[in-house]
């Protein structure tokens, strides 16, 4: 199994399977349907500008769309530096704490995110199962 460079199209395309085959996430997120736009700021090995965008759409706990592109319609927009996203995905920073501390900025319903803290943490866990390299 090869490692995928973080934030490349190939990396993003691994996420649906990681989500859709994770029984723990499926159980926790079966009633969740959200569109999420992720914005990663700063230069990094896969960058083609100052920001890198990727998008996920979840319907009833299943990932039905994943793309490495900017989307203007989403329920949540999550913006953070490359280093902060890397720390979250490596397990060095909790995503909910990162949002509440302002290390990752969120546009969307904070109440809904906090209410769904367990599925949100499990979603990050799905990301962490993708074999990832950062350089």
N, C-alpha and C. Protein backbone atom coordinates (compact mmCIF):
# COMPACT_ATOMS: atom_id res chain seq x y z
N UNK A 1 0.85 -1.18 0.00
CA UNK A 1 0.00 0.00 0.00
C UNK A 1 0.90 1.24 0.00
N UNK A 2 0.67 2.12 -0.93
CA UNK A 2 1.50 3.32 -1.00
C UNK A 2 0.90 4.45 -0.17
N UNK A 3 1.78 5.35 0.22
CA UNK A 3 1.33 6.54 0.93
C UNK A 3 0.95 7.60 -0.09
N UNK A 4 -0.07 8.38 0.24
CA UNK A 4 -0.55 9.44 -0.63
C UNK A 4 -0.10 10.78 -0.07
N UNK A 5 0.40 11.64 -0.93
CA UNK A 5 0.83 12.96 -0.50
C UNK A 5 -0.39 13.76 -0.06
N UNK A 6 -0.35 14.24 1.17
CA UNK A 6 -1.44 15.01 1.77
C UNK A 6 -1.88 16.13 0.83
N UNK A 7 -3.18 16.19 0.61
CA UNK A 7 -3.87 17.23 -0.15
C UNK A 7 -3.77 17.10 -1.67
N UNK A 8 -3.21 16.02 -2.16
CA UNK A 8 -3.26 15.79 -3.60
C UNK A 8 -4.63 15.22 -3.96
N UNK A 9 -4.95 15.26 -5.24
CA UNK A 9 -6.20 14.66 -5.71
C UNK A 9 -6.26 13.18 -5.32
N UNK A 10 -5.14 12.49 -5.44
CA UNK A 10 -5.10 11.07 -5.10
C UNK A 10 -5.43 10.85 -3.62
N UNK A 11 -4.92 11.72 -2.76
CA UNK A 11 -5.21 11.62 -1.32
C UNK A 11 -6.71 11.84 -1.07
N UNK A 12 -7.26 12.89 -1.66
CA UNK A 12 -8.69 13.20 -1.47
C UNK A 12 -9.55 12.04 -1.94
N UNK A 13 -9.17 11.39 -3.03
CA UNK A 13 -9.98 10.30 -3.56
C UNK A 13 -9.95 9.04 -2.70
N UNK A 14 -9.05 8.97 -1.73
CA UNK A 14 -9.02 7.84 -0.79
C UNK A 14 -10.03 8.02 0.35
N UNK A 15 -10.46 9.25 0.57
CA UNK A 15 -11.31 9.55 1.73
C UNK A 15 -12.67 8.86 1.68
N UNK A 16 -13.39 8.84 0.54
CA UNK A 16 -14.70 8.18 0.57
C UNK A 16 -14.64 6.72 1.04
N UNK A 17 -13.69 5.97 0.54
CA UNK A 17 -13.59 4.57 0.98
C UNK A 17 -13.25 4.49 2.47
N UNK A 18 -12.36 5.38 2.93
CA UNK A 18 -12.01 5.39 4.35
C UNK A 18 -13.24 5.66 5.22
N UNK A 19 -14.11 6.54 4.75
CA UNK A 19 -15.33 6.87 5.49
C UNK A 19 -16.35 5.75 5.37
N UNK A 20 -16.58 5.32 4.15
CA UNK A 20 -17.67 4.38 3.87
C UNK A 20 -17.42 2.96 4.37
N UNK A 21 -16.18 2.64 4.70
CA UNK A 21 -15.87 1.31 5.21
C UNK A 21 -15.58 1.30 6.71
N UNK A 22 -15.74 2.45 7.36
CA UNK A 22 -15.45 2.54 8.79
C UNK A 22 -16.75 2.33 9.59
N UNK A 23 -16.91 1.15 10.16
CA UNK A 23 -18.15 0.79 10.87
C UNK A 23 -18.43 1.71 12.05
N UNK A 24 -17.39 2.11 12.75
CA UNK A 24 -17.58 3.00 13.91
C UNK A 24 -18.14 4.35 13.48
N UNK A 25 -17.59 4.91 12.39
CA UNK A 25 -18.11 6.17 11.87
C UNK A 25 -19.54 5.99 11.37
N UNK A 26 -19.78 4.92 10.63
CA UNK A 26 -21.11 4.67 10.07
C UNK A 26 -22.17 4.65 11.18
N UNK A 27 -21.86 3.98 12.26
CA UNK A 27 -22.81 3.89 13.38
C UNK A 27 -23.05 5.26 14.01
N UNK A 28 -21.98 6.02 14.22
CA UNK A 28 -22.09 7.33 14.87
C UNK A 28 -22.73 8.39 13.98
N UNK A 29 -22.59 8.24 12.67
CA UNK A 29 -22.98 9.32 11.74
C UNK A 29 -24.17 8.96 10.85
N UNK A 30 -24.90 7.91 11.19
CA UNK A 30 -25.95 7.44 10.28
C UNK A 30 -27.02 8.48 9.98
N UNK A 31 -27.21 9.46 10.85
CA UNK A 31 -28.23 10.48 10.60
C UNK A 31 -27.62 11.81 10.15
N UNK A 32 -26.33 11.83 9.87
CA UNK A 32 -25.65 13.08 9.51
C UNK A 32 -25.58 13.23 7.99
N UNK A 33 -25.99 14.40 7.53
CA UNK A 33 -25.85 14.78 6.12
C UNK A 33 -25.33 16.21 6.09
N UNK A 34 -24.08 16.36 5.66
CA UNK A 34 -23.43 17.67 5.63
C UNK A 34 -22.53 17.78 4.42
N UNK A 35 -22.37 19.04 3.97
CA UNK A 35 -21.39 19.37 2.94
C UNK A 35 -20.29 20.16 3.64
N UNK A 36 -19.05 19.74 3.46
CA UNK A 36 -17.93 20.37 4.16
C UNK A 36 -16.87 20.83 3.18
N UNK A 37 -16.50 22.09 3.28
CA UNK A 37 -15.43 22.65 2.47
C UNK A 37 -14.23 22.89 3.39
N UNK A 38 -13.10 22.34 3.02
CA UNK A 38 -11.87 22.47 3.80
C UNK A 38 -10.92 23.38 3.04
N UNK A 39 -10.37 24.36 3.77
CA UNK A 39 -9.42 25.30 3.17
C UNK A 39 -8.13 25.20 3.98
N UNK A 40 -7.05 24.87 3.29
CA UNK A 40 -5.74 24.74 3.92
C UNK A 40 -4.88 25.88 3.43
N UNK A 41 -4.43 26.71 4.36
CA UNK A 41 -3.67 27.91 4.02
C UNK A 41 -2.17 27.64 4.09
N UNK A 42 -1.46 28.26 3.17
CA UNK A 42 -0.01 28.21 3.20
C UNK A 42 0.58 27.27 2.18
N UNK A 43 1.88 27.39 2.05
CA UNK A 43 2.63 26.57 1.10
C UNK A 43 2.88 25.19 1.71
N UNK A 44 2.83 24.19 0.85
CA UNK A 44 3.12 22.82 1.25
C UNK A 44 3.44 22.03 -0.01
N UNK A 45 3.91 20.80 0.11
CA UNK A 45 4.37 20.06 -1.07
C UNK A 45 3.32 19.88 -2.18
N UNK A 46 2.04 19.83 -1.84
CA UNK A 46 1.01 19.63 -2.88
C UNK A 46 0.34 20.94 -3.30
N UNK A 47 0.84 22.06 -2.81
CA UNK A 47 0.19 23.35 -3.07
C UNK A 47 0.37 23.80 -4.51
N UNK A 48 -0.68 24.43 -5.02
CA UNK A 48 -0.58 25.10 -6.31
C UNK A 48 -1.04 26.54 -6.15
N UNK A 49 -0.79 27.10 -4.97
CA UNK A 49 -1.16 28.47 -4.62
C UNK A 49 -1.06 28.64 -3.12
N UNK A 50 -1.64 29.71 -2.61
CA UNK A 50 -1.59 29.98 -1.18
C UNK A 50 -2.68 29.25 -0.39
N UNK A 51 -3.65 28.68 -1.09
CA UNK A 51 -4.73 27.92 -0.45
C UNK A 51 -4.97 26.64 -1.24
N UNK A 52 -5.29 25.60 -0.50
CA UNK A 52 -5.69 24.34 -1.13
C UNK A 52 -7.08 24.02 -0.60
N UNK A 53 -7.96 23.64 -1.50
CA UNK A 53 -9.36 23.37 -1.13
C UNK A 53 -9.68 21.90 -1.40
N UNK A 54 -10.48 21.33 -0.49
CA UNK A 54 -11.13 20.06 -0.82
C UNK A 54 -12.50 20.04 -0.17
N UNK A 55 -13.35 19.18 -0.70
CA UNK A 55 -14.76 19.19 -0.37
C UNK A 55 -15.23 17.77 -0.13
N UNK A 56 -16.10 17.60 0.86
CA UNK A 56 -16.74 16.32 1.11
C UNK A 56 -18.23 16.53 1.28
N UNK A 57 -19.00 15.59 0.76
CA UNK A 57 -20.43 15.59 1.02
C UNK A 57 -20.77 14.25 1.66
N UNK A 58 -21.42 14.35 2.81
CA UNK A 58 -21.83 13.18 3.58
C UNK A 58 -23.36 13.13 3.56
N UNK A 59 -23.90 11.97 3.22
CA UNK A 59 -25.36 11.77 3.28
C UNK A 59 -25.62 10.52 4.10
N UNK A 60 -26.33 10.73 5.21
CA UNK A 60 -26.65 9.62 6.11
C UNK A 60 -25.41 8.81 6.46
N UNK A 61 -24.32 9.52 6.74
CA UNK A 61 -23.08 8.89 7.16
C UNK A 61 -22.20 8.35 6.06
N UNK A 62 -22.63 8.43 4.82
CA UNK A 62 -21.84 7.92 3.69
C UNK A 62 -21.27 9.09 2.91
N UNK A 63 -20.02 8.97 2.50
CA UNK A 63 -19.41 10.01 1.66
C UNK A 63 -19.86 9.77 0.22
N UNK A 64 -20.59 10.74 -0.33
CA UNK A 64 -21.12 10.61 -1.69
C UNK A 64 -20.39 11.51 -2.69
N UNK A 65 -19.51 12.39 -2.19
CA UNK A 65 -18.75 13.27 -3.08
C UNK A 65 -17.48 13.70 -2.35
N UNK A 66 -16.38 13.66 -3.07
CA UNK A 66 -15.10 14.16 -2.56
C UNK A 66 -14.35 14.75 -3.73
N UNK A 67 -13.86 15.96 -3.57
CA UNK A 67 -13.17 16.62 -4.67
C UNK A 67 -12.11 17.57 -4.13
N UNK A 68 -11.03 17.68 -4.86
CA UNK A 68 -10.00 18.66 -4.51
C UNK A 68 -10.28 19.91 -5.34
N UNK A 69 -11.25 20.64 -4.87
CA UNK A 69 -11.64 21.87 -5.56
C UNK A 69 -12.38 22.78 -4.59
N UNK A 70 -12.44 24.03 -4.97
CA UNK A 70 -13.14 25.03 -4.16
C UNK A 70 -14.64 24.91 -4.42
N UNK A 71 -15.40 24.88 -3.36
CA UNK A 71 -16.86 24.89 -3.46
C UNK A 71 -17.38 26.08 -2.67
N UNK A 72 -18.40 26.71 -3.19
CA UNK A 72 -18.95 27.89 -2.53
C UNK A 72 -20.19 27.57 -1.71
N UNK A 73 -20.76 26.38 -1.88
CA UNK A 73 -21.93 25.99 -1.10
C UNK A 73 -21.55 24.81 -0.22
N UNK A 74 -21.66 25.03 1.08
CA UNK A 74 -21.37 23.97 2.04
C UNK A 74 -22.04 24.35 3.36
N UNK A 75 -22.25 23.35 4.19
CA UNK A 75 -22.81 23.59 5.52
C UNK A 75 -21.73 24.09 6.47
N UNK A 76 -20.50 23.61 6.24
CA UNK A 76 -19.36 24.00 7.07
C UNK A 76 -18.19 24.34 6.19
N UNK A 77 -17.53 25.45 6.52
CA UNK A 77 -16.28 25.84 5.89
C UNK A 77 -15.24 25.81 7.01
N UNK A 78 -14.22 25.00 6.85
CA UNK A 78 -13.19 24.84 7.88
C UNK A 78 -11.85 25.29 7.30
N UNK A 79 -11.28 26.34 7.90
CA UNK A 79 -10.06 26.96 7.38
C UNK A 79 -8.97 26.92 8.43
N UNK A 80 -7.82 26.42 8.03
CA UNK A 80 -6.68 26.39 8.95
C UNK A 80 -5.38 26.32 8.19
N UNK A 81 -4.32 26.57 8.90
CA UNK A 81 -3.00 26.49 8.28
C UNK A 81 -2.65 25.04 7.99
N UNK A 82 -1.73 24.86 7.07
CA UNK A 82 -1.23 23.52 6.75
C UNK A 82 -0.74 22.83 8.02
N UNK A 83 0.03 23.54 8.83
CA UNK A 83 0.59 22.94 10.04
C UNK A 83 -0.50 22.50 11.02
N UNK A 84 -1.56 23.30 11.16
CA UNK A 84 -2.64 22.91 12.07
C UNK A 84 -3.41 21.71 11.54
N UNK A 85 -3.70 21.68 10.24
CA UNK A 85 -4.38 20.52 9.68
C UNK A 85 -3.51 19.28 9.81
N UNK A 86 -2.23 19.42 9.55
CA UNK A 86 -1.31 18.30 9.69
C UNK A 86 -1.33 17.77 11.13
N UNK A 87 -1.30 18.68 12.10
CA UNK A 87 -1.34 18.28 13.52
C UNK A 87 -2.64 17.53 13.84
N UNK A 88 -3.77 18.00 13.30
CA UNK A 88 -5.05 17.31 13.53
C UNK A 88 -4.99 15.91 12.94
N UNK A 89 -4.53 15.79 11.71
CA UNK A 89 -4.54 14.49 11.04
C UNK A 89 -3.49 13.53 11.59
N UNK A 90 -2.46 14.06 12.20
CA UNK A 90 -1.46 13.19 12.83
C UNK A 90 -1.85 12.84 14.27
N UNK A 91 -2.96 13.40 14.75
CA UNK A 91 -3.42 13.09 16.09
C UNK A 91 -2.79 13.93 17.19
N UNK A 92 -2.07 14.97 16.80
CA UNK A 92 -1.41 15.84 17.79
C UNK A 92 -2.32 16.96 18.28
N UNK A 93 -3.45 17.17 17.60
CA UNK A 93 -4.39 18.24 17.97
C UNK A 93 -5.81 17.71 17.73
N UNK A 94 -6.67 17.86 18.71
CA UNK A 94 -8.07 17.47 18.59
C UNK A 94 -8.81 18.49 17.73
N UNK A 95 -9.59 18.02 16.77
CA UNK A 95 -10.24 18.93 15.83
C UNK A 95 -11.25 19.85 16.52
N UNK A 96 -12.02 19.34 17.47
CA UNK A 96 -13.00 20.19 18.17
C UNK A 96 -12.27 21.26 18.97
N UNK A 97 -11.23 20.88 19.67
CA UNK A 97 -10.44 21.87 20.43
C UNK A 97 -9.78 22.87 19.50
N UNK A 98 -9.33 22.41 18.33
CA UNK A 98 -8.71 23.32 17.36
C UNK A 98 -9.71 24.37 16.89
N UNK A 99 -10.97 23.95 16.68
CA UNK A 99 -12.01 24.90 16.26
C UNK A 99 -12.35 25.85 17.40
N UNK A 100 -12.57 25.33 18.59
CA UNK A 100 -12.97 26.20 19.71
C UNK A 100 -11.83 27.14 20.13
N UNK A 101 -10.58 26.74 19.87
CA UNK A 101 -9.43 27.61 20.19
C UNK A 101 -9.10 28.57 19.05
N UNK A 102 -9.79 28.44 17.91
CA UNK A 102 -9.55 29.34 16.79
C UNK A 102 -8.37 28.94 15.92
N UNK A 103 -7.79 27.77 16.14
CA UNK A 103 -6.67 27.32 15.30
C UNK A 103 -7.19 26.87 13.94
N UNK A 104 -8.42 26.39 13.92
CA UNK A 104 -9.14 26.12 12.68
C UNK A 104 -10.42 26.94 12.75
N UNK A 105 -10.60 27.81 11.81
CA UNK A 105 -11.78 28.68 11.77
C UNK A 105 -12.93 27.93 11.11
N UNK A 106 -14.11 28.08 11.68
CA UNK A 106 -15.26 27.40 11.11
C UNK A 106 -16.37 28.40 10.82
N UNK A 107 -16.93 28.26 9.63
CA UNK A 107 -18.16 28.97 9.27
C UNK A 107 -19.22 27.89 9.18
N UNK A 108 -20.26 28.04 9.96
CA UNK A 108 -21.32 27.04 10.03
C UNK A 108 -21.83 27.00 11.45
N UNK A 109 -22.73 26.09 11.72
CA UNK A 109 -23.36 26.01 13.04
C UNK A 109 -22.43 25.37 14.06
N UNK A 110 -21.92 26.18 14.98
CA UNK A 110 -21.08 25.68 16.07
C UNK A 110 -21.89 24.71 16.93
N UNK A 111 -23.15 25.03 17.18
CA UNK A 111 -24.00 24.16 17.99
C UNK A 111 -24.11 22.78 17.35
N UNK A 112 -24.33 22.74 16.05
CA UNK A 112 -24.45 21.47 15.35
C UNK A 112 -23.13 20.69 15.39
N UNK A 113 -22.01 21.41 15.23
CA UNK A 113 -20.73 20.74 15.28
C UNK A 113 -20.48 20.15 16.67
N UNK A 114 -20.78 20.91 17.70
CA UNK A 114 -20.56 20.42 19.07
C UNK A 114 -21.50 19.27 19.38
N UNK A 115 -22.73 19.35 18.91
CA UNK A 115 -23.70 18.27 19.11
C UNK A 115 -23.20 16.98 18.44
N UNK A 116 -22.48 17.13 17.34
CA UNK A 116 -21.96 15.99 16.60
C UNK A 116 -20.47 15.79 16.82
N UNK A 117 -20.00 16.10 18.03
CA UNK A 117 -18.56 16.02 18.33
C UNK A 117 -18.02 14.59 18.14
N UNK A 118 -18.77 13.59 18.55
CA UNK A 118 -18.28 12.21 18.42
C UNK A 118 -18.16 11.82 16.95
N UNK A 119 -19.21 12.02 16.13
CA UNK A 119 -19.02 11.70 14.71
C UNK A 119 -17.92 12.54 14.04
N UNK A 120 -17.77 13.78 14.47
CA UNK A 120 -16.72 14.63 13.91
C UNK A 120 -15.34 14.05 14.22
N UNK A 121 -15.13 13.63 15.46
CA UNK A 121 -13.86 13.01 15.83
C UNK A 121 -13.65 11.72 15.05
N UNK A 122 -14.71 10.95 14.86
CA UNK A 122 -14.60 9.70 14.10
C UNK A 122 -14.32 9.97 12.63
N UNK A 123 -14.82 11.09 12.10
CA UNK A 123 -14.52 11.46 10.72
C UNK A 123 -13.03 11.73 10.57
N UNK A 124 -12.45 12.45 11.52
CA UNK A 124 -11.01 12.68 11.50
C UNK A 124 -10.28 11.34 11.57
N UNK A 125 -10.81 10.42 12.39
CA UNK A 125 -10.23 9.09 12.46
C UNK A 125 -10.23 8.38 11.11
N UNK A 126 -11.28 8.61 10.32
CA UNK A 126 -11.33 8.04 8.97
C UNK A 126 -10.20 8.63 8.11
N UNK A 127 -10.02 9.94 8.19
CA UNK A 127 -8.93 10.59 7.45
C UNK A 127 -7.59 9.96 7.83
N UNK A 128 -7.44 9.67 9.13
CA UNK A 128 -6.17 9.15 9.63
C UNK A 128 -5.87 7.74 9.14
N UNK A 129 -6.87 7.04 8.61
CA UNK A 129 -6.61 5.70 8.09
C UNK A 129 -6.05 5.72 6.66
N UNK A 130 -6.12 6.87 6.01
CA UNK A 130 -5.53 7.00 4.67
C UNK A 130 -4.01 7.06 4.83
N UNK A 131 -3.27 6.17 4.20
CA UNK A 131 -1.82 6.21 4.29
C UNK A 131 -1.32 7.54 3.71
N UNK A 132 -0.74 8.38 4.57
CA UNK A 132 -0.43 9.77 4.19
C UNK A 132 1.03 10.09 4.45
N UNK A 133 1.62 10.79 3.49
CA UNK A 133 2.94 11.37 3.69
C UNK A 133 2.80 12.88 3.51
N UNK A 134 3.67 13.62 4.17
CA UNK A 134 3.56 15.08 4.18
C UNK A 134 4.68 15.77 3.40
N UNK A 135 5.60 15.00 2.85
CA UNK A 135 6.66 15.60 2.02
C UNK A 135 7.16 14.58 1.01
